[in-house]
Amino acid sequence: AAVLELGGSSAPGVGDWFGLLQPVMFGLFFWKTEQAMQEFPDQALPFTTVQVFVCALLGAAWSALDAGGMPDLSALSHMSDVGFDLALLWLGLVSTAG
């Protein structure tokens, strides 16, 4: 499917290379995580915590670099709405439980 996107006369750009590299890196990450979990089977929560923290940190850094600074967080003011809080709680606890 990736080759179908290369039609036309334009050469692949940086975004194309990111798109091709992403599944390879995801597979490598998944394989290394499985290896680590086999070696340390009782450390699932610390591994997950580090993964989420690193993703959040890299996402914030990318956002800051891309936008020229940290984004305006005033848009999160609706988080004091009870309906929003309940929906977020449902999403976090019920829909991801399994």
C-alpha atoms as a PDB file:
ATOM      1  CA  ALA A   1       0.000   0.000   0.000  1.00  0.00           C
ATOM      2  CA  ALA A   2       2.892   2.363   0.678  1.00  0.00           C
ATOM      3  CA  VAL A   3       4.094   2.068  -2.929  1.00  0.00           C
ATOM      4  CA  LEU A   4       0.681   3.167  -4.208  1.00  0.00           C
ATOM      5  CA  GLU A   5       1.196   6.520  -2.493  1.00  0.00           C
ATOM      6  CA  LEU A   6       4.391   7.197  -4.430  1.00  0.00           C
ATOM      7  CA  GLY A   7       2.615   7.846  -7.731  1.00  0.00           C
ATOM      8  CA  GLY A   8       3.468  10.975  -9.625  1.00  0.00           C
ATOM      9  CA  SER A   9       6.712  12.764 -10.186  1.00  0.00           C
ATOM     10  CA  SER A  10       7.480  13.866  -6.637  1.00  0.00           C
ATOM     11  CA  ALA A  11      10.186  12.131  -4.676  1.00  0.00           C
ATOM     12  CA  PRO A  12       9.421  10.692  -1.251  1.00  0.00           C
ATOM     13  CA  GLY A  13       9.664  13.291   1.499  1.00  0.00           C
ATOM     14  CA  VAL A  14      10.540  13.107   5.173  1.00  0.00           C
ATOM     15  CA  GLY A  15       6.936  12.272   6.093  1.00  0.00           C
ATOM     16  CA  ASP A  16       7.009   9.276   3.755  1.00  0.00           C
ATOM     17  CA  TRP A  17      10.102   7.943   5.477  1.00  0.00           C
ATOM     18  CA  PHE A  18       8.506   8.465   8.897  1.00  0.00           C
ATOM     19  CA  GLY A  19       5.455   6.583   7.646  1.00  0.00           C
ATOM     20  CA  LEU A  20       7.569   3.653   6.462  1.00  0.00           C
ATOM     21  CA  LEU A  21       9.735   3.608   9.575  1.00  0.00           C
ATOM     22  CA  GLN A  22       6.847   3.748  12.076  1.00  0.00           C
ATOM     23  CA  PRO A  23       5.604   0.125  11.696  1.00  0.00           C
ATOM     24  CA  VAL A  24       9.160  -1.199  11.758  1.00  0.00           C
ATOM     25  CA  MET A  25       9.952   0.666  14.975  1.00  0.00           C
ATOM     26  CA  PHE A  26       6.621  -0.353  16.515  1.00  0.00           C
ATOM     27  CA  GLY A  27       7.367  -4.010  15.757  1.00  0.00           C
ATOM     28  CA  LEU A  28      10.866  -3.688  17.200  1.00  0.00           C
ATOM     29  CA  PHE A  29       9.461  -2.003  20.313  1.00  0.00           C
ATOM     30  CA  PHE A  30       6.838  -4.724  20.751  1.00  0.00           C
ATOM     31  CA  TRP A  31       9.442  -7.474  20.324  1.00  0.00           C
ATOM     32  CA  LYS A  32      11.802  -5.885  22.880  1.00  0.00           C
ATOM     33  CA  THR A  33       8.912  -5.373  25.329  1.00  0.00           C
ATOM     34  CA  GLU A  34       8.002  -9.059  25.039  1.00  0.00           C
ATOM     35  CA  GLN A  35      11.618 -10.007  25.732  1.00  0.00           C
ATOM     36  CA  ALA A  36      11.728  -7.749  28.791  1.00  0.00           C
ATOM     37  CA  MET A  37       8.424  -9.144  30.102  1.00  0.00           C
ATOM     38  CA  GLN A  38       9.742 -12.706  29.777  1.00  0.00           C
ATOM     39  CA  GLU A  39      12.811 -11.746  31.779  1.00  0.00           C
ATOM     40  CA  PHE A  40      10.874  -9.685  34.368  1.00  0.00           C
ATOM     41  CA  PRO A  41       7.293 -11.045  34.411  1.00  0.00           C
ATOM     42  CA  ASP A  42       6.329  -9.256  37.641  1.00  0.00           C
ATOM     43  CA  GLN A  43       7.301  -5.808  36.368  1.00  0.00           C
ATOM     44  CA  ALA A  44       4.380  -5.074  33.992  1.00  0.00           C
ATOM     45  CA  LEU A  45       3.188  -1.960  35.842  1.00  0.00           C
ATOM     46  CA  PRO A  46       6.622  -0.273  36.016  1.00  0.00           C
ATOM     47  CA  PHE A  47       7.222  -1.015  32.314  1.00  0.00           C
ATOM     48  CA  THR A  48       3.844   0.439  31.386  1.00  0.00           C
ATOM     49  CA  THR A  49       4.418   3.480  33.594  1.00  0.00           C
ATOM     50  CA  VAL A  50       7.745   4.247  31.944  1.00  0.00           C
ATOM     51  CA  GLN A  51       6.267   3.757  28.463  1.00  0.00           C
ATOM     52  CA  VAL A  52       3.368   6.135  29.121  1.00  0.00           C
ATOM     53  CA  PHE A  53       5.669   8.705  30.752  1.00  0.00           C
ATOM     54  CA  VAL A  54       8.124   8.639  27.846  1.00  0.00           C
ATOM     55  CA  CYS A  55       5.288   8.955  25.300  1.00  0.00           C
ATOM     56  CA  ALA A  56       3.816  11.913  27.193  1.00  0.00           C
ATOM     57  CA  LEU A  57       7.217  13.577  27.534  1.00  0.00           C
ATOM     58  CA  LEU A  58       8.107  13.120  23.861  1.00  0.00           C
ATOM     59  CA  GLY A  59       4.638  14.264  22.792  1.00  0.00           C
ATOM     60  CA  ALA A  60       4.911  17.426  24.884  1.00  0.00           C
ATOM     61  CA  ALA A  61       8.417  18.114  23.573  1.00  0.00           C
ATOM     62  CA  TRP A  62       7.331  17.604  19.955  1.00  0.00           C
ATOM     63  CA  SER A  63       4.316  19.861  20.506  1.00  0.00           C
ATOM     64  CA  ALA A  64       6.478  22.551  22.074  1.00  0.00           C
ATOM     65  CA  LEU A  65       8.999  22.419  19.237  1.00  0.00           C
ATOM     66  CA  ASP A  66       6.333  22.363  16.547  1.00  0.00           C
ATOM     67  CA  ALA A  67       4.258  25.212  17.994  1.00  0.00           C
ATOM     68  CA  GLY A  68       7.153  27.366  19.163  1.00  0.00           C
ATOM     69  CA  GLY A  69       6.293  26.776  22.818  1.00  0.00           C
ATOM     70  CA  MET A  70       3.909  24.865  25.000  1.00  0.00           C
ATOM     71  CA  PRO A  71       0.306  24.856  23.783  1.00  0.00           C
ATOM     72  CA  ASP A  72      -2.376  26.943  25.490  1.00  0.00           C
ATOM     73  CA  LEU A  73      -3.985  24.675  28.079  1.00  0.00           C
ATOM     74  CA  SER A  74      -6.925  26.986  28.734  1.00  0.00           C
ATOM     75  CA  ALA A  75      -8.965  24.808  26.366  1.00  0.00           C
ATOM     76  CA  LEU A  76      -8.988  22.170  29.112  1.00  0.00           C
ATOM     77  CA  SER A  77     -11.199  24.330  31.328  1.00  0.00           C
ATOM     78  CA  HIS A  78     -14.216  22.157  30.434  1.00  0.00           C
ATOM     79  CA  MET A  79     -12.671  19.347  32.511  1.00  0.00           C
ATOM     80  CA  SER A  80     -14.574  20.692  35.523  1.00  0.00           C
ATOM     81  CA  ASP A  81     -17.831  19.632  33.806  1.00  0.00           C
ATOM     82  CA  VAL A  82     -19.303  16.573  35.580  1.00  0.00           C
ATOM     83  CA  GLY A  83     -20.503  15.030  32.308  1.00  0.00           C
ATOM     84  CA  PHE A  84     -17.048  15.327  30.814  1.00  0.00           C
ATOM     85  CA  ASP A  85     -15.475  13.854  33.951  1.00  0.00           C
ATOM     86  CA  LEU A  86     -17.845  10.878  33.901  1.00  0.00           C
ATOM     87  CA  ALA A  87     -17.194  10.260  30.210  1.00  0.00           C
ATOM     88  CA  LEU A  88     -13.457  10.392  30.816  1.00  0.00           C
ATOM     89  CA  LEU A  89     -13.798   8.029  33.772  1.00  0.00           C
ATOM     90  CA  TRP A  90     -15.853   5.621  31.645  1.00  0.00           C
ATOM     91  CA  LEU A  91     -13.280   5.720  28.876  1.00  0.00           C
ATOM     92  CA  GLY A  92     -10.356   5.187  31.243  1.00  0.00           C
ATOM     93  CA  LEU A  93     -11.823   2.483  33.468  1.00  0.00           C
ATOM     94  CA  VAL A  94     -14.577   0.623  31.668  1.00  0.00           C
ATOM     95  CA  SER A  95     -13.756   0.700  27.973  1.00  0.00           C
ATOM     96  CA  THR A  96     -10.084  -0.157  28.489  1.00  0.00           C
ATOM     97  CA  ALA A  97     -10.671  -2.903  31.074  1.00  0.00           C
ATOM     98  CA  GLY A  98     -10.125  -6.325  29.782  1.00  0.00           C
END
